[in-house]
């Protein structure tokens, strides 16, 4: 049996995030920007989509490269979309 961190390092686990999570920048540093995907929480009654996309773009603690991966590229890889 492997540790959870070993599965993450192998690229077999993805984490979802919401734009307003205060420790998102630290989480990206810890698990890697390739392992996190954006979660809009739509169509839940308390969803902040589409405003949450702008909120993520405005964050200063996350690089532009990481934002692109979280919002777009990682989802494509996860779902096998070319």
PDB file of N, CA and C in Angstrom:
ATOM      1  N   UNK A   1       0.840  -1.179   0.000  1.00  0.00           N
ATOM      2  CA  UNK A   1       0.000   0.000   0.000  1.00  0.00           C
ATOM      3  C   UNK A   1       0.894   1.255   0.000  1.00  0.00           C
ATOM      4  N   UNK A   2       0.526   2.210  -0.829  1.00  0.00           N
ATOM      5  CA  UNK A   2       1.297   3.443  -0.957  1.00  0.00           C
ATOM      6  C   UNK A   2       0.685   4.555  -0.110  1.00  0.00           C
ATOM      7  N   UNK A   3       1.520   5.536   0.186  1.00  0.00           N
ATOM      8  CA  UNK A   3       1.017   6.731   0.864  1.00  0.00           C
ATOM      9  C   UNK A   3       0.211   7.558  -0.142  1.00  0.00           C
ATOM     10  N   UNK A   4      -0.792   8.313   0.326  1.00  0.00           N
ATOM     11  CA  UNK A   4      -1.555   9.176  -0.581  1.00  0.00           C
ATOM     12  C   UNK A   4      -0.669  10.111  -1.392  1.00  0.00           C
ATOM     13  N   UNK A   5       0.389  10.619  -0.787  1.00  0.00           N
ATOM     14  CA  UNK A   5       1.279  11.542  -1.493  1.00  0.00           C
ATOM     15  C   UNK A   5       1.945  10.872  -2.699  1.00  0.00           C
ATOM     16  N   UNK A   6       2.166   9.565  -2.623  1.00  0.00           N
ATOM     17  CA  UNK A   6       2.766   8.853  -3.749  1.00  0.00           C
ATOM     18  C   UNK A   6       1.798   8.783  -4.938  1.00  0.00           C
ATOM     19  N   UNK A   7       0.505   8.597  -4.660  1.00  0.00           N
ATOM     20  CA  UNK A   7      -0.490   8.604  -5.732  1.00  0.00           C
ATOM     21  C   UNK A   7      -0.572   9.977  -6.385  1.00  0.00           C
ATOM     22  N   UNK A   8      -0.479  11.018  -5.571  1.00  0.00           N
ATOM     23  CA  UNK A   8      -0.508  12.386  -6.105  1.00  0.00           C
ATOM     24  C   UNK A   8       0.690  12.610  -7.006  1.00  0.00           C
ATOM     25  N   UNK A   9       1.865  12.201  -6.563  1.00  0.00           N
ATOM     26  CA  UNK A   9       3.076  12.386  -7.356  1.00  0.00           C
ATOM     27  C   UNK A   9       3.024  11.609  -8.671  1.00  0.00           C
ATOM     28  N   UNK A  10       2.310  10.503  -8.694  1.00  0.00           N
ATOM     29  CA  UNK A  10       2.177   9.704  -9.914  1.00  0.00           C
ATOM     30  C   UNK A  10       1.153  10.305 -10.877  1.00  0.00           C
ATOM     31  N   UNK A  11       0.439  11.320 -10.447  1.00  0.00           N
ATOM     32  CA  UNK A  11      -0.527  11.967 -11.318  1.00  0.00           C
ATOM     33  C   UNK A  11      -1.857  11.258 -11.403  1.00  0.00           C
ATOM     34  N   UNK A  12      -2.199  10.478 -10.403  1.00  0.00           N
ATOM     35  CA  UNK A  12      -3.444   9.716 -10.438  1.00  0.00           C
ATOM     36  C   UNK A  12      -4.564  10.373  -9.629  1.00  0.00           C
ATOM     37  N   UNK A  13      -4.299  11.467  -9.013  1.00  0.00           N
ATOM     38  CA  UNK A  13      -5.294  12.147  -8.182  1.00  0.00           C
ATOM     39  C   UNK A  13      -5.348  13.616  -8.580  1.00  0.00           C
ATOM     40  N   UNK A  14      -6.558  14.120  -8.711  1.00  0.00           N
ATOM     41  CA  UNK A  14      -6.775  15.553  -8.939  1.00  0.00           C
ATOM     42  C   UNK A  14      -7.597  16.108  -7.788  1.00  0.00           C
ATOM     43  N   UNK A  15      -7.404  17.367  -7.513  1.00  0.00           N
ATOM     44  CA  UNK A  15      -8.151  18.067  -6.478  1.00  0.00           C
ATOM     45  C   UNK A  15      -8.933  19.196  -7.134  1.00  0.00           C
ATOM     46  N   UNK A  16     -10.147  19.404  -6.679  1.00  0.00           N
ATOM     47  CA  UNK A  16     -10.915  20.538  -7.188  1.00  0.00           C
ATOM     48  C   UNK A  16     -10.785  21.694  -6.211  1.00  0.00           C
ATOM     49  N   UNK A  17     -10.967  22.888  -6.726  1.00  0.00           N
ATOM     50  CA  UNK A  17     -10.859  24.074  -5.882  1.00  0.00           C
ATOM     51  C   UNK A  17     -11.905  25.094  -6.286  1.00  0.00           C
ATOM     52  N   UNK A  18     -12.217  25.943  -5.348  1.00  0.00           N
ATOM     53  CA  UNK A  18     -13.049  27.100  -5.632  1.00  0.00           C
ATOM     54  C   UNK A  18     -12.150  28.325  -5.551  1.00  0.00           C
ATOM     55  N   UNK A  19     -12.493  29.344  -6.284  1.00  0.00           N
ATOM     56  CA  UNK A  19     -11.622  30.515  -6.434  1.00  0.00           C
ATOM     57  C   UNK A  19     -11.318  31.224  -5.127  1.00  0.00           C
ATOM     58  N   UNK A  20     -12.241  31.218  -4.194  1.00  0.00           N
ATOM     59  CA  UNK A  20     -12.073  31.977  -2.964  1.00  0.00           C
ATOM     60  C   UNK A  20     -11.370  31.253  -1.839  1.00  0.00           C
ATOM     61  N   UNK A  21     -10.898  30.044  -2.080  1.00  0.00           N
ATOM     62  CA  UNK A  21     -10.222  29.303  -1.022  1.00  0.00           C
ATOM     63  C   UNK A  21      -8.943  30.028  -0.626  1.00  0.00           C
ATOM     64  N   UNK A  22      -8.865  30.392   0.652  1.00  0.00           N
ATOM     65  CA  UNK A  22      -7.770  31.255   1.108  1.00  0.00           C
ATOM     66  C   UNK A  22      -6.392  30.610   0.976  1.00  0.00           C
ATOM     67  N   UNK A  23      -6.299  29.311   1.063  1.00  0.00           N
ATOM     68  CA  UNK A  23      -5.003  28.634   0.999  1.00  0.00           C
ATOM     69  C   UNK A  23      -4.734  27.991  -0.362  1.00  0.00           C
ATOM     70  N   UNK A  24      -5.443  28.438  -1.367  1.00  0.00           N
ATOM     71  CA  UNK A  24      -5.284  27.845  -2.700  1.00  0.00           C
ATOM     72  C   UNK A  24      -3.857  27.967  -3.209  1.00  0.00           C
ATOM     73  N   UNK A  25      -3.236  29.112  -3.040  1.00  0.00           N
ATOM     74  CA  UNK A  25      -1.850  29.282  -3.487  1.00  0.00           C
ATOM     75  C   UNK A  25      -0.915  28.285  -2.831  1.00  0.00           C
ATOM     76  N   UNK A  26      -1.082  28.071  -1.534  1.00  0.00           N
ATOM     77  CA  UNK A  26      -0.262  27.097  -0.815  1.00  0.00           C
ATOM     78  C   UNK A  26      -0.565  25.672  -1.276  1.00  0.00           C
ATOM     79  N   UNK A  27      -1.846  25.382  -1.528  1.00  0.00           N
ATOM     80  CA  UNK A  27      -2.224  24.048  -2.001  1.00  0.00           C
ATOM     81  C   UNK A  27      -1.579  23.756  -3.352  1.00  0.00           C
ATOM     82  N   UNK A  28      -1.560  24.752  -4.238  1.00  0.00           N
ATOM     83  CA  UNK A  28      -0.925  24.571  -5.544  1.00  0.00           C
ATOM     84  C   UNK A  28       0.561  24.293  -5.382  1.00  0.00           C
ATOM     85  N   UNK A  29       1.200  24.966  -4.440  1.00  0.00           N
ATOM     86  CA  UNK A  29       2.615  24.717  -4.177  1.00  0.00           C
ATOM     87  C   UNK A  29       2.831  23.308  -3.630  1.00  0.00           C
ATOM     88  N   UNK A  30       1.915  22.857  -2.789  1.00  0.00           N
ATOM     89  CA  UNK A  30       2.078  21.577  -2.109  1.00  0.00           C
ATOM     90  C   UNK A  30       1.793  20.386  -3.023  1.00  0.00           C
ATOM     91  N   UNK A  31       0.653  20.386  -3.708  1.00  0.00           N
ATOM     92  CA  UNK A  31       0.285  19.227  -4.536  1.00  0.00           C
ATOM     93  C   UNK A  31       0.715  19.386  -5.982  1.00  0.00           C
ATOM     94  N   UNK A  32       1.032  20.595  -6.388  1.00  0.00           N
ATOM     95  CA  UNK A  32       1.460  20.853  -7.756  1.00  0.00           C
ATOM     96  C   UNK A  32       0.344  21.445  -8.591  1.00  0.00           C
ATOM     97  N   UNK A  33       0.679  22.422  -9.395  1.00  0.00           N
ATOM     98  CA  UNK A  33      -0.324  23.114 -10.204  1.00  0.00           C
ATOM     99  C   UNK A  33      -0.923  22.228 -11.289  1.00  0.00           C
ATOM    100  N   UNK A  34      -0.317  21.063 -11.540  1.00  0.00           N
ATOM    101  CA  UNK A  34      -0.857  20.123 -12.522  1.00  0.00           C
ATOM    102  C   UNK A  34      -1.941  19.218 -11.943  1.00  0.00           C
ATOM    103  N   UNK A  35      -2.198  19.291 -10.669  1.00  0.00           N
ATOM    104  CA  UNK A  35      -3.118  18.374  -9.992  1.00  0.00           C
ATOM    105  C   UNK A  35      -4.398  19.035  -9.497  1.00  0.00           C
ATOM    106  N   UNK A  36      -4.636  20.282  -9.860  1.00  0.00           N
ATOM    107  CA  UNK A  36      -5.799  21.011  -9.342  1.00  0.00           C
ATOM    108  C   UNK A  36      -6.656  21.490 -10.505  1.00  0.00           C
ATOM    109  N   UNK A  37      -7.965  21.290 -10.372  1.00  0.00           N
ATOM    110  CA  UNK A  37      -8.924  21.751 -11.381  1.00  0.00           C
ATOM    111  C   UNK A  37      -9.940  22.678 -10.720  1.00  0.00           C
ATOM    112  N   UNK A  38     -10.446  23.603 -11.490  1.00  0.00           N
ATOM    113  CA  UNK A  38     -11.447  24.560 -11.030  1.00  0.00           C
ATOM    114  C   UNK A  38     -12.809  23.886 -10.877  1.00  0.00           C
ATOM    115  N   UNK A  39     -13.495  24.218  -9.805  1.00  0.00           N
ATOM    116  CA  UNK A  39     -14.858  23.719  -9.584  1.00  0.00           C
ATOM    117  C   UNK A  39     -15.784  24.921  -9.457  1.00  0.00           C
ATOM    118  N   UNK A  40     -16.710  25.043 -10.364  1.00  0.00           N
ATOM    119  CA  UNK A  40     -17.617  26.189 -10.353  1.00  0.00           C
ATOM    120  C   UNK A  40     -18.703  26.058  -9.297  1.00  0.00           C
ATOM    121  N   UNK A  41     -18.984  24.840  -8.861  1.00  0.00           N
ATOM    122  CA  UNK A  41     -20.054  24.535  -7.917  1.00  0.00           C
ATOM    123  C   UNK A  41     -21.427  24.819  -8.515  1.00  0.00           C
ATOM    124  N   UNK A  42     -21.488  25.006  -9.826  1.00  0.00           N
ATOM    125  CA  UNK A  42     -22.750  25.233 -10.527  1.00  0.00           C
ATOM    126  C   UNK A  42     -23.443  23.890 -10.718  1.00  0.00           C
ATOM    127  N   UNK A  43     -24.677  23.728 -10.529  1.00  0.00           N
ATOM    128  CA  UNK A  43     -25.763  24.687 -10.363  1.00  0.00           C
ATOM    129  C   UNK A  43     -26.261  24.833  -8.926  1.00  0.00           C
ATOM    130  N   UNK A  44     -25.423  24.580  -7.941  1.00  0.00           N
ATOM    131  CA  UNK A  44     -25.856  24.730  -6.551  1.00  0.00           C
ATOM    132  C   UNK A  44     -26.336  26.150  -6.285  1.00  0.00           C
ATOM    133  N   UNK A  45     -27.234  26.282  -5.357  1.00  0.00           N
ATOM    134  CA  UNK A  45     -27.842  27.586  -5.051  1.00  0.00           C
ATOM    135  C   UNK A  45     -26.819  28.612  -4.579  1.00  0.00           C
ATOM    136  N   UNK A  46     -25.730  28.149  -3.979  1.00  0.00           N
ATOM    137  CA  UNK A  46     -24.727  29.083  -3.463  1.00  0.00           C
ATOM    138  C   UNK A  46     -23.516  29.235  -4.392  1.00  0.00           C
ATOM    139  N   UNK A  47     -23.623  28.753  -5.621  1.00  0.00           N
ATOM    140  CA  UNK A  47     -22.516  28.862  -6.575  1.00  0.00           C
ATOM    141  C   UNK A  47     -22.227  30.329  -6.895  1.00  0.00           C
ATOM    142  N   UNK A  48     -20.959  30.637  -7.041  1.00  0.00           N
ATOM    143  CA  UNK A  48     -20.536  32.005  -7.362  1.00  0.00           C
ATOM    144  C   UNK A  48     -20.095  32.129  -8.815  1.00  0.00           C
ATOM    145  N   UNK A  49     -20.394  31.120  -9.611  1.00  0.00           N
ATOM    146  CA  UNK A  49     -20.065  31.120 -11.026  1.00  0.00           C
ATOM    147  C   UNK A  49     -21.031  32.039 -11.769  1.00  0.00           C
ATOM    148  N   UNK A  50     -20.604  32.851 -12.702  1.00  0.00           N
ATOM    149  CA  UNK A  50     -19.283  32.930 -13.323  1.00  0.00           C
ATOM    150  C   UNK A  50     -18.344  33.939 -12.656  1.00  0.00           C
ATOM    151  N   UNK A  51     -18.823  34.660 -11.649  1.00  0.00           N
ATOM    152  CA  UNK A  51     -17.982  35.658 -10.986  1.00  0.00           C
ATOM    153  C   UNK A  51     -16.709  35.066 -10.383  1.00  0.00           C
ATOM    154  N   UNK A  52     -16.783  33.792  -9.998  1.00  0.00           N
ATOM    155  CA  UNK A  52     -15.622  33.160  -9.371  1.00  0.00           C
ATOM    156  C   UNK A  52     -14.443  33.038 -10.329  1.00  0.00           C
ATOM    157  N   UNK A  53     -14.697  32.985 -11.626  1.00  0.00           N
ATOM    158  CA  UNK A  53     -13.589  32.940 -12.590  1.00  0.00           C
ATOM    159  C   UNK A  53     -12.791  34.236 -12.523  1.00  0.00           C
ATOM    160  N   UNK A  54     -13.492  35.349 -12.493  1.00  0.00           N
ATOM    161  CA  UNK A  54     -12.811  36.644 -12.374  1.00  0.00           C
ATOM    162  C   UNK A  54     -12.054  36.731 -11.049  1.00  0.00           C
ATOM    163  N   UNK A  55     -12.665  36.201  -9.992  1.00  0.00           N
ATOM    164  CA  UNK A  55     -12.006  36.205  -8.683  1.00  0.00           C
ATOM    165  C   UNK A  55     -10.685  35.452  -8.741  1.00  0.00           C
ATOM    166  N   UNK A  56     -10.675  34.318  -9.434  1.00  0.00           N
ATOM    167  CA  UNK A  56      -9.442  33.554  -9.568  1.00  0.00           C
ATOM    168  C   UNK A  56      -8.415  34.320 -10.396  1.00  0.00           C
ATOM    169  N   UNK A  57      -8.835  34.949 -11.489  1.00  0.00           N
ATOM    170  CA  UNK A  57      -7.927  35.747 -12.310  1.00  0.00           C
ATOM    171  C   UNK A  57      -7.285  36.877 -11.518  1.00  0.00           C
ATOM    172  N   UNK A  58      -7.997  37.458 -10.582  1.00  0.00           N
ATOM    173  CA  UNK A  58      -7.507  38.609  -9.827  1.00  0.00           C
ATOM    174  C   UNK A  58      -6.584  38.240  -8.672  1.00  0.00           C
ATOM    175  N   UNK A  59      -6.488  36.991  -8.335  1.00  0.00           N
ATOM    176  CA  UNK A  59      -5.630  36.589  -7.208  1.00  0.00           C
ATOM    177  C   UNK A  59      -4.166  36.886  -7.521  1.00  0.00           C
ATOM    178  N   UNK A  60      -3.477  37.419  -6.538  1.00  0.00           N
ATOM    179  CA  UNK A  60      -2.060  37.773  -6.691  1.00  0.00           C
ATOM    180  C   UNK A  60      -1.127  36.667  -6.202  1.00  0.00           C
ATOM    181  N   UNK A  61      -1.667  35.707  -5.460  1.00  0.00           N
ATOM    182  CA  UNK A  61      -0.832  34.650  -4.891  1.00  0.00           C
ATOM    183  C   UNK A  61      -0.707  33.432  -5.800  1.00  0.00           C
ATOM    184  N   UNK A  62      -1.255  33.529  -7.000  1.00  0.00           N
ATOM    185  CA  UNK A  62      -1.219  32.428  -7.955  1.00  0.00           C
ATOM    186  C   UNK A  62      -0.679  32.957  -9.285  1.00  0.00           C
ATOM    187  N   UNK A  63       0.263  32.239  -9.867  1.00  0.00           N
ATOM    188  CA  UNK A  63       0.855  32.691 -11.123  1.00  0.00           C
ATOM    189  C   UNK A  63      -0.146  32.569 -12.269  1.00  0.00           C
ATOM    190  N   UNK A  64       0.077  33.322 -13.326  1.00  0.00           N
ATOM    191  CA  UNK A  64      -0.787  33.238 -14.505  1.00  0.00           C
ATOM    192  C   UNK A  64      -0.747  31.837 -15.109  1.00  0.00           C
ATOM    193  N   UNK A  65       0.415  31.225 -15.095  1.00  0.00           N
ATOM    194  CA  UNK A  65       0.545  29.865 -15.611  1.00  0.00           C
ATOM    195  C   UNK A  65      -0.326  28.890 -14.814  1.00  0.00           C
ATOM    196  N   UNK A  66      -0.301  29.003 -13.480  1.00  0.00           N
ATOM    197  CA  UNK A  66      -1.117  28.123 -12.631  1.00  0.00           C
ATOM    198  C   UNK A  66      -2.599  28.378 -12.853  1.00  0.00           C
ATOM    199  N   UNK A  67      -2.988  29.623 -13.050  1.00  0.00           N
ATOM    200  CA  UNK A  67      -4.400  29.946 -13.304  1.00  0.00           C
ATOM    201  C   UNK A  67      -4.874  29.275 -14.588  1.00  0.00           C
ATOM    202  N   UNK A  68      -4.045  29.319 -15.618  1.00  0.00           N
ATOM    203  CA  UNK A  68      -4.406  28.698 -16.897  1.00  0.00           C
ATOM    204  C   UNK A  68      -4.547  27.185 -16.737  1.00  0.00           C
ATOM    205  N   UNK A  69      -3.665  26.596 -15.962  1.00  0.00           N
ATOM    206  CA  UNK A  69      -3.736  25.152 -15.741  1.00  0.00           C
ATOM    207  C   UNK A  69      -4.995  24.780 -14.955  1.00  0.00           C
ATOM    208  N   UNK A  70      -5.268  25.511 -13.895  1.00  0.00           N
ATOM    209  CA  UNK A  70      -6.421  25.210 -13.040  1.00  0.00           C
ATOM    210  C   UNK A  70      -7.729  25.411 -13.792  1.00  0.00           C
ATOM    211  N   UNK A  71      -7.820  26.475 -14.554  1.00  0.00           N
ATOM    212  CA  UNK A  71      -9.063  26.804 -15.243  1.00  0.00           C
ATOM    213  C   UNK A  71      -9.279  26.037 -16.547  1.00  0.00           C
ATOM    214  N   UNK A  72      -8.218  25.519 -17.150  1.00  0.00           N
ATOM    215  CA  UNK A  72      -8.351  24.981 -18.498  1.00  0.00           C
ATOM    216  C   UNK A  72      -7.549  23.697 -18.747  1.00  0.00           C
ATOM    217  N   UNK A  73      -6.250  23.808 -18.658  1.00  0.00           N
ATOM    218  CA  UNK A  73      -5.392  22.714 -19.112  1.00  0.00           C
ATOM    219  C   UNK A  73      -5.554  21.434 -18.296  1.00  0.00           C
ATOM    220  N   UNK A  74      -5.637  21.542 -16.985  1.00  0.00           N
ATOM    221  CA  UNK A  74      -5.730  20.338 -16.162  1.00  0.00           C
ATOM    222  C   UNK A  74      -7.030  19.579 -16.396  1.00  0.00           C
ATOM    223  N   UNK A  75      -8.108  20.288 -16.620  1.00  0.00           N
ATOM    224  CA  UNK A  75      -9.380  19.641 -16.938  1.00  0.00           C
ATOM    225  C   UNK A  75      -9.303  18.867 -18.236  1.00  0.00           C
ATOM    226  N   UNK A  76      -8.623  19.436 -19.217  1.00  0.00           N
ATOM    227  CA  UNK A  76      -8.449  18.745 -20.502  1.00  0.00           C
ATOM    228  C   UNK A  76      -7.686  17.442 -20.312  1.00  0.00           C
ATOM    229  N   UNK A  77      -6.640  17.485 -19.514  1.00  0.00           N
ATOM    230  CA  UNK A  77      -5.850  16.272 -19.270  1.00  0.00           C
ATOM    231  C   UNK A  77      -6.686  15.256 -18.495  1.00  0.00           C
ATOM    232  N   UNK A  78      -7.363  15.703 -17.460  1.00  0.00           N
ATOM    233  CA  UNK A  78      -8.164  14.807 -16.618  1.00  0.00           C
ATOM    234  C   UNK A  78      -9.223  14.067 -17.428  1.00  0.00           C
ATOM    235  N   UNK A  79      -9.891  14.783 -18.321  1.00  0.00           N
ATOM    236  CA  UNK A  79     -10.964  14.182 -19.104  1.00  0.00           C
ATOM    237  C   UNK A  79     -10.524  13.672 -20.482  1.00  0.00           C
ATOM    238  N   UNK A  80      -9.234  13.784 -20.788  1.00  0.00           N
ATOM    239  CA  UNK A  80      -8.711  13.274 -22.045  1.00  0.00           C
ATOM    240  C   UNK A  80      -9.207  14.026 -23.270  1.00  0.00           C
ATOM    241  N   UNK A  81      -9.369  15.339 -23.126  1.00  0.00           N
ATOM    242  CA  UNK A  81      -9.840  16.174 -24.232  1.00  0.00           C
ATOM    243  C   UNK A  81      -8.636  16.754 -24.951  1.00  0.00           C
ATOM    244  N   UNK A  82      -8.568  16.600 -26.263  1.00  0.00           N
ATOM    245  CA  UNK A  82      -7.431  17.113 -27.034  1.00  0.00           C
ATOM    246  C   UNK A  82      -7.608  18.531 -27.405  1.00  0.00           C
TER     247      UNK A  82
END
